[in-house]
């Protein structure tokens, strides 16, 4: 189910309408018979897909929060314990949270038809572009960038250096590390977790 939605926004309605109109002209079985998209159709489809990338990332953030507290040993892969599950969820959240800004830069590149290659859609190349300055979009992007900056340290750490770490989580990880070498200790999990996590 989609959580993030801008379906009532004029841009979405128009891009969606033009995109669907083009798809209806296409052959569902043989794509070689598809008509060449007009400039308007190409623009609408690119905009619609780019916006979908932003909204999809926002949905995944909501799902990541919900899933973080949903560890179930019956449905989780057997090679993943509760510690692995929590770390995976936290790292996934930070990676996605900071990627929203990058996807917004690509969306602005598409909407304003700046023509910058996706890999070069960075803060300076988009926000300082003469098409963007003074539109209000530059200020909105700067606010979003400022918000995401506070999470980039964690994102960069888990993406390039090491596993997410904090004191109580490390203790949980240590417990599961010991259990892997001696399964009998798992019987004392309640004692260990109640005692160790309070220290």
C-alpha atoms as a PDB file:
ATOM      1  CA  UNK A   1       0.000   0.000   0.000  1.00  0.00           C
ATOM      2  CA  UNK A   2       1.267   3.455  -0.887  1.00  0.00           C
ATOM      3  CA  UNK A   3       1.631   5.759   2.100  1.00  0.00           C
ATOM      4  CA  UNK A   4       3.128   8.881   0.561  1.00  0.00           C
ATOM      5  CA  UNK A   5       0.838  10.370  -2.032  1.00  0.00           C
ATOM      6  CA  UNK A   6       0.615  13.614  -3.925  1.00  0.00           C
ATOM      7  CA  UNK A   7      -2.206  12.429  -6.175  1.00  0.00           C
ATOM      8  CA  UNK A   8      -4.084  15.731  -5.873  1.00  0.00           C
ATOM      9  CA  UNK A   9      -1.102  17.823  -6.931  1.00  0.00           C
ATOM     10  CA  UNK A  10      -1.551  19.441 -10.350  1.00  0.00           C
ATOM     11  CA  UNK A  11       1.856  18.248 -11.582  1.00  0.00           C
ATOM     12  CA  UNK A  12       1.060  14.635 -10.676  1.00  0.00           C
ATOM     13  CA  UNK A  13      -2.358  14.701 -12.273  1.00  0.00           C
ATOM     14  CA  UNK A  14      -1.031  16.109 -15.521  1.00  0.00           C
ATOM     15  CA  UNK A  15       2.052  13.872 -15.708  1.00  0.00           C
ATOM     16  CA  UNK A  16      -0.062  10.835 -14.856  1.00  0.00           C
ATOM     17  CA  UNK A  17      -2.727  11.697 -17.424  1.00  0.00           C
ATOM     18  CA  UNK A  18      -0.223  12.173 -20.251  1.00  0.00           C
ATOM     19  CA  UNK A  19       1.731   9.033 -19.259  1.00  0.00           C
ATOM     20  CA  UNK A  20      -1.397   6.863 -19.126  1.00  0.00           C
ATOM     21  CA  UNK A  21      -2.559   8.312 -22.449  1.00  0.00           C
ATOM     22  CA  UNK A  22       0.720   7.241 -24.053  1.00  0.00           C
ATOM     23  CA  UNK A  23       0.609   3.768 -22.470  1.00  0.00           C
ATOM     24  CA  UNK A  24      -2.848   3.201 -23.915  1.00  0.00           C
ATOM     25  CA  UNK A  25      -1.407   3.717 -27.413  1.00  0.00           C
ATOM     26  CA  UNK A  26       1.304   1.110 -26.770  1.00  0.00           C
ATOM     27  CA  UNK A  27       1.160  -2.570 -27.646  1.00  0.00           C
ATOM     28  CA  UNK A  28       1.149  -4.592 -24.370  1.00  0.00           C
ATOM     29  CA  UNK A  29       2.668  -7.639 -26.092  1.00  0.00           C
ATOM     30  CA  UNK A  30       5.149  -6.277 -28.628  1.00  0.00           C
ATOM     31  CA  UNK A  31       6.972  -3.113 -27.538  1.00  0.00           C
ATOM     32  CA  UNK A  32       8.548  -2.753 -30.993  1.00  0.00           C
ATOM     33  CA  UNK A  33       5.121  -1.587 -32.206  1.00  0.00           C
ATOM     34  CA  UNK A  34       4.916   1.218 -29.648  1.00  0.00           C
ATOM     35  CA  UNK A  35       4.587   4.682 -31.171  1.00  0.00           C
ATOM     36  CA  UNK A  36       7.430   7.130 -30.611  1.00  0.00           C
ATOM     37  CA  UNK A  37       6.600   9.285 -27.612  1.00  0.00           C
ATOM     38  CA  UNK A  38       6.135  12.965 -28.277  1.00  0.00           C
ATOM     39  CA  UNK A  39       8.290  15.470 -26.421  1.00  0.00           C
ATOM     40  CA  UNK A  40       5.398  16.171 -24.038  1.00  0.00           C
ATOM     41  CA  UNK A  41       4.846  12.453 -23.430  1.00  0.00           C
ATOM     42  CA  UNK A  42       8.550  11.816 -22.799  1.00  0.00           C
ATOM     43  CA  UNK A  43       8.692  14.709 -20.343  1.00  0.00           C
ATOM     44  CA  UNK A  44       5.559  13.523 -18.518  1.00  0.00           C
ATOM     45  CA  UNK A  45       6.838   9.939 -18.235  1.00  0.00           C
ATOM     46  CA  UNK A  46      10.286  11.027 -16.977  1.00  0.00           C
ATOM     47  CA  UNK A  47       8.684  13.367 -14.430  1.00  0.00           C
ATOM     48  CA  UNK A  48       6.222  10.720 -13.281  1.00  0.00           C
ATOM     49  CA  UNK A  49       8.971   8.095 -12.852  1.00  0.00           C
ATOM     50  CA  UNK A  50      11.293  10.523 -11.063  1.00  0.00           C
ATOM     51  CA  UNK A  51       8.555  11.572  -8.668  1.00  0.00           C
ATOM     52  CA  UNK A  52       7.709   7.914  -8.103  1.00  0.00           C
ATOM     53  CA  UNK A  53      11.323   7.345  -6.980  1.00  0.00           C
ATOM     54  CA  UNK A  54      10.963  10.048  -4.299  1.00  0.00           C
ATOM     55  CA  UNK A  55       7.582   8.806  -3.076  1.00  0.00           C
ATOM     56  CA  UNK A  56       8.757   5.185  -3.080  1.00  0.00           C
ATOM     57  CA  UNK A  57      11.701   6.084  -0.860  1.00  0.00           C
ATOM     58  CA  UNK A  58       9.367   7.894   1.551  1.00  0.00           C
ATOM     59  CA  UNK A  59       7.099   4.832   1.693  1.00  0.00           C
ATOM     60  CA  UNK A  60      10.087   2.609   2.409  1.00  0.00           C
ATOM     61  CA  UNK A  61      11.013   4.842   5.350  1.00  0.00           C
ATOM     62  CA  UNK A  62       7.568   4.286   6.850  1.00  0.00           C
ATOM     63  CA  UNK A  63       7.871   0.539   6.277  1.00  0.00           C
ATOM     64  CA  UNK A  64      11.357   0.502   7.826  1.00  0.00           C
ATOM     65  CA  UNK A  65       9.998   1.995  11.062  1.00  0.00           C
ATOM     66  CA  UNK A  66       7.124  -0.484  11.195  1.00  0.00           C
ATOM     67  CA  UNK A  67       9.385  -3.445  10.493  1.00  0.00           C
ATOM     68  CA  UNK A  68      11.993  -2.467  13.088  1.00  0.00           C
ATOM     69  CA  UNK A  69       9.796  -3.656  15.940  1.00  0.00           C
ATOM     70  CA  UNK A  70       8.455  -6.638  14.028  1.00  0.00           C
ATOM     71  CA  UNK A  71      11.123  -9.310  14.517  1.00  0.00           C
ATOM     72  CA  UNK A  72       9.563 -12.770  14.309  1.00  0.00           C
ATOM     73  CA  UNK A  73      11.873 -15.767  14.471  1.00  0.00           C
ATOM     74  CA  UNK A  74       9.328 -17.829  12.498  1.00  0.00           C
ATOM     75  CA  UNK A  75       9.345 -15.493   9.475  1.00  0.00           C
ATOM     76  CA  UNK A  76      12.902 -14.108   9.628  1.00  0.00           C
ATOM     77  CA  UNK A  77      15.711 -15.946   7.795  1.00  0.00           C
ATOM     78  CA  UNK A  78      17.325 -18.545  10.068  1.00  0.00           C
ATOM     79  CA  UNK A  79      20.741 -16.888   9.676  1.00  0.00           C
ATOM     80  CA  UNK A  80      19.402 -13.614  11.106  1.00  0.00           C
ATOM     81  CA  UNK A  81      19.023 -13.111  14.861  1.00  0.00           C
ATOM     82  CA  UNK A  82      17.270 -10.215  16.610  1.00  0.00           C
ATOM     83  CA  UNK A  83      20.480  -8.146  16.734  1.00  0.00           C
ATOM     84  CA  UNK A  84      21.096  -8.600  12.984  1.00  0.00           C
ATOM     85  CA  UNK A  85      17.479  -7.677  12.299  1.00  0.00           C
ATOM     86  CA  UNK A  86      17.632  -4.451  14.343  1.00  0.00           C
ATOM     87  CA  UNK A  87      20.957  -3.335  12.871  1.00  0.00           C
ATOM     88  CA  UNK A  88      19.710  -4.086   9.353  1.00  0.00           C
ATOM     89  CA  UNK A  89      16.594  -1.985  10.009  1.00  0.00           C
ATOM     90  CA  UNK A  90      18.467   0.995  11.470  1.00  0.00           C
ATOM     91  CA  UNK A  91      21.089   1.016   8.720  1.00  0.00           C
ATOM     92  CA  UNK A  92      18.387   0.669   6.069  1.00  0.00           C
ATOM     93  CA  UNK A  93      16.545   3.639   7.593  1.00  0.00           C
ATOM     94  CA  UNK A  94      19.588   5.946   7.564  1.00  0.00           C
ATOM     95  CA  UNK A  95      20.505   4.968   4.011  1.00  0.00           C
ATOM     96  CA  UNK A  96      16.999   5.700   2.746  1.00  0.00           C
ATOM     97  CA  UNK A  97      16.488   8.849   4.810  1.00  0.00           C
ATOM     98  CA  UNK A  98      19.506  10.551   3.292  1.00  0.00           C
ATOM     99  CA  UNK A  99      18.775   9.287  -0.231  1.00  0.00           C
ATOM    100  CA  UNK A 100      15.478  11.218  -0.387  1.00  0.00           C
ATOM    101  CA  UNK A 101      17.439  14.439  -0.862  1.00  0.00           C
ATOM    102  CA  UNK A 102      19.475  12.926  -3.711  1.00  0.00           C
ATOM    103  CA  UNK A 103      16.282  11.739  -5.398  1.00  0.00           C
ATOM    104  CA  UNK A 104      14.757  15.217  -5.005  1.00  0.00           C
ATOM    105  CA  UNK A 105      17.767  16.715  -6.784  1.00  0.00           C
ATOM    106  CA  UNK A 106      17.187  14.307  -9.693  1.00  0.00           C
ATOM    107  CA  UNK A 107      13.479  15.172  -9.711  1.00  0.00           C
ATOM    108  CA  UNK A 108      14.260  18.899  -9.968  1.00  0.00           C
ATOM    109  CA  UNK A 109      16.736  18.161 -12.761  1.00  0.00           C
ATOM    110  CA  UNK A 110      13.924  16.394 -14.646  1.00  0.00           C
ATOM    111  CA  UNK A 111      11.168  18.939 -13.976  1.00  0.00           C
ATOM    112  CA  UNK A 112      13.288  21.942 -14.975  1.00  0.00           C
ATOM    113  CA  UNK A 113      14.893  19.971 -17.843  1.00  0.00           C
ATOM    114  CA  UNK A 114      18.360  21.093 -16.782  1.00  0.00           C
ATOM    115  CA  UNK A 115      19.962  18.140 -18.542  1.00  0.00           C
ATOM    116  CA  UNK A 116      22.590  17.276 -15.941  1.00  0.00           C
ATOM    117  CA  UNK A 117      23.569  13.562 -15.945  1.00  0.00           C
ATOM    118  CA  UNK A 118      22.087  11.763 -12.907  1.00  0.00           C
ATOM    119  CA  UNK A 119      25.513  11.082 -11.351  1.00  0.00           C
ATOM    120  CA  UNK A 120      26.251  14.809 -11.378  1.00  0.00           C
ATOM    121  CA  UNK A 121      22.984  15.895  -9.702  1.00  0.00           C
ATOM    122  CA  UNK A 122      24.577  17.307  -6.577  1.00  0.00           C
ATOM    123  CA  UNK A 123      23.751  20.199  -4.300  1.00  0.00           C
ATOM    124  CA  UNK A 124      25.939  22.712  -6.135  1.00  0.00           C
ATOM    125  CA  UNK A 125      24.932  21.671  -9.657  1.00  0.00           C
ATOM    126  CA  UNK A 126      21.188  21.889  -8.910  1.00  0.00           C
ATOM    127  CA  UNK A 127      20.691  24.542  -6.188  1.00  0.00           C
ATOM    128  CA  UNK A 128      23.131  26.999  -7.762  1.00  0.00           C
ATOM    129  CA  UNK A 129      21.790  26.475 -11.287  1.00  0.00           C
ATOM    130  CA  UNK A 130      20.383  29.656 -12.857  1.00  0.00           C
ATOM    131  CA  UNK A 131      17.109  27.847 -13.721  1.00  0.00           C
ATOM    132  CA  UNK A 132      16.527  27.094 -10.031  1.00  0.00           C
ATOM    133  CA  UNK A 133      17.736  30.228  -8.246  1.00  0.00           C
ATOM    134  CA  UNK A 134      14.914  32.511  -7.208  1.00  0.00           C
ATOM    135  CA  UNK A 135      12.144  29.976  -7.858  1.00  0.00           C
ATOM    136  CA  UNK A 136      11.663  29.045  -4.198  1.00  0.00           C
ATOM    137  CA  UNK A 137      12.746  25.502  -5.050  1.00  0.00           C
ATOM    138  CA  UNK A 138      16.326  26.399  -4.114  1.00  0.00           C
ATOM    139  CA  UNK A 139      15.208  27.434  -0.603  1.00  0.00           C
ATOM    140  CA  UNK A 140      13.117  24.276  -0.163  1.00  0.00           C
ATOM    141  CA  UNK A 141      16.054  22.113  -1.259  1.00  0.00           C
ATOM    142  CA  UNK A 142      18.381  23.905   1.155  1.00  0.00           C
ATOM    143  CA  UNK A 143      15.972  23.241   4.038  1.00  0.00           C
ATOM    144  CA  UNK A 144      15.746  19.576   3.107  1.00  0.00           C
ATOM    145  CA  UNK A 145      19.536  19.392   2.805  1.00  0.00           C
ATOM    146  CA  UNK A 146      19.973  20.980   6.237  1.00  0.00           C
ATOM    147  CA  UNK A 147      17.527  18.471   7.735  1.00  0.00           C
ATOM    148  CA  UNK A 148      19.269  15.475   6.145  1.00  0.00           C
ATOM    149  CA  UNK A 149      22.770  16.688   7.103  1.00  0.00           C
ATOM    150  CA  UNK A 150      22.249  15.595  10.715  1.00  0.00           C
ATOM    151  CA  UNK A 151      21.868  11.985   9.571  1.00  0.00           C
ATOM    152  CA  UNK A 152      24.640  11.855   6.966  1.00  0.00           C
ATOM    153  CA  UNK A 153      27.331  10.950   9.504  1.00  0.00           C
ATOM    154  CA  UNK A 154      25.445   7.728  10.367  1.00  0.00           C
ATOM    155  CA  UNK A 155      24.669   7.073   6.714  1.00  0.00           C
ATOM    156  CA  UNK A 156      28.294   7.500   5.650  1.00  0.00           C
ATOM    157  CA  UNK A 157      29.502   5.356   8.532  1.00  0.00           C
ATOM    158  CA  UNK A 158      27.277   2.386   7.685  1.00  0.00           C
ATOM    159  CA  UNK A 159      27.758   2.820   3.942  1.00  0.00           C
ATOM    160  CA  UNK A 160      31.556   3.106   3.954  1.00  0.00           C
ATOM    161  CA  UNK A 161      33.093   2.224   7.313  1.00  0.00           C
ATOM    162  CA  UNK A 162      31.386   0.008   9.863  1.00  0.00           C
ATOM    163  CA  UNK A 163      28.197  -1.464  11.271  1.00  0.00           C
ATOM    164  CA  UNK A 164      25.828   0.829  13.165  1.00  0.00           C
ATOM    165  CA  UNK A 165      26.833   0.847  16.816  1.00  0.00           C
ATOM    166  CA  UNK A 166      25.521   2.024  20.167  1.00  0.00           C
ATOM    167  CA  UNK A 167      26.130   0.772  23.700  1.00  0.00           C
ATOM    168  CA  UNK A 168      22.997  -1.291  24.436  1.00  0.00           C
ATOM    169  CA  UNK A 169      22.825  -2.636  20.901  1.00  0.00           C
ATOM    170  CA  UNK A 170      26.453  -3.777  21.097  1.00  0.00           C
ATOM    171  CA  UNK A 171      25.612  -5.742  24.263  1.00  0.00           C
ATOM    172  CA  UNK A 172      22.781  -7.469  22.451  1.00  0.00           C
ATOM    173  CA  UNK A 173      25.188  -8.277  19.617  1.00  0.00           C
ATOM    174  CA  UNK A 174      27.714  -9.679  22.067  1.00  0.00           C
ATOM    175  CA  UNK A 175      25.074 -11.984  23.547  1.00  0.00           C
ATOM    176  CA  UNK A 176      24.152 -13.411  20.141  1.00  0.00           C
ATOM    177  CA  UNK A 177      27.837 -13.813  19.299  1.00  0.00           C
ATOM    178  CA  UNK A 178      28.319 -15.945  22.439  1.00  0.00           C
ATOM    179  CA  UNK A 179      25.140 -17.956  21.718  1.00  0.00           C
ATOM    180  CA  UNK A 180      26.475 -18.867  18.271  1.00  0.00           C
ATOM    181  CA  UNK A 181      29.451 -20.595  19.872  1.00  0.00           C
ATOM    182  CA  UNK A 182      27.519 -22.122  22.803  1.00  0.00           C
ATOM    183  CA  UNK A 183      23.783 -22.684  22.210  1.00  0.00           C
ATOM    184  CA  UNK A 184      23.212 -23.736  25.821  1.00  0.00           C
ATOM    185  CA  UNK A 185      23.695 -20.125  26.932  1.00  0.00           C
ATOM    186  CA  UNK A 186      20.520 -19.210  25.056  1.00  0.00           C
ATOM    187  CA  UNK A 187      18.584 -20.657  28.034  1.00  0.00           C
ATOM    188  CA  UNK A 188      19.859 -17.712  30.086  1.00  0.00           C
ATOM    189  CA  UNK A 189      18.806 -15.078  27.556  1.00  0.00           C
ATOM    190  CA  UNK A 190      16.276 -13.376  29.852  1.00  0.00           C
ATOM    191  CA  UNK A 191      18.816 -13.096  32.671  1.00  0.00           C
ATOM    192  CA  UNK A 192      21.561 -11.831  30.384  1.00  0.00           C
ATOM    193  CA  UNK A 193      19.430  -9.303  28.552  1.00  0.00           C
ATOM    194  CA  UNK A 194      17.791  -7.946  31.702  1.00  0.00           C
ATOM    195  CA  UNK A 195      21.142  -7.654  33.508  1.00  0.00           C
ATOM    196  CA  UNK A 196      23.504  -6.640  30.713  1.00  0.00           C
ATOM    197  CA  UNK A 197      21.304  -4.042  29.068  1.00  0.00           C
ATOM    198  CA  UNK A 198      20.912  -2.159  32.369  1.00  0.00           C
ATOM    199  CA  UNK A 199      24.654  -1.711  32.881  1.00  0.00           C
END
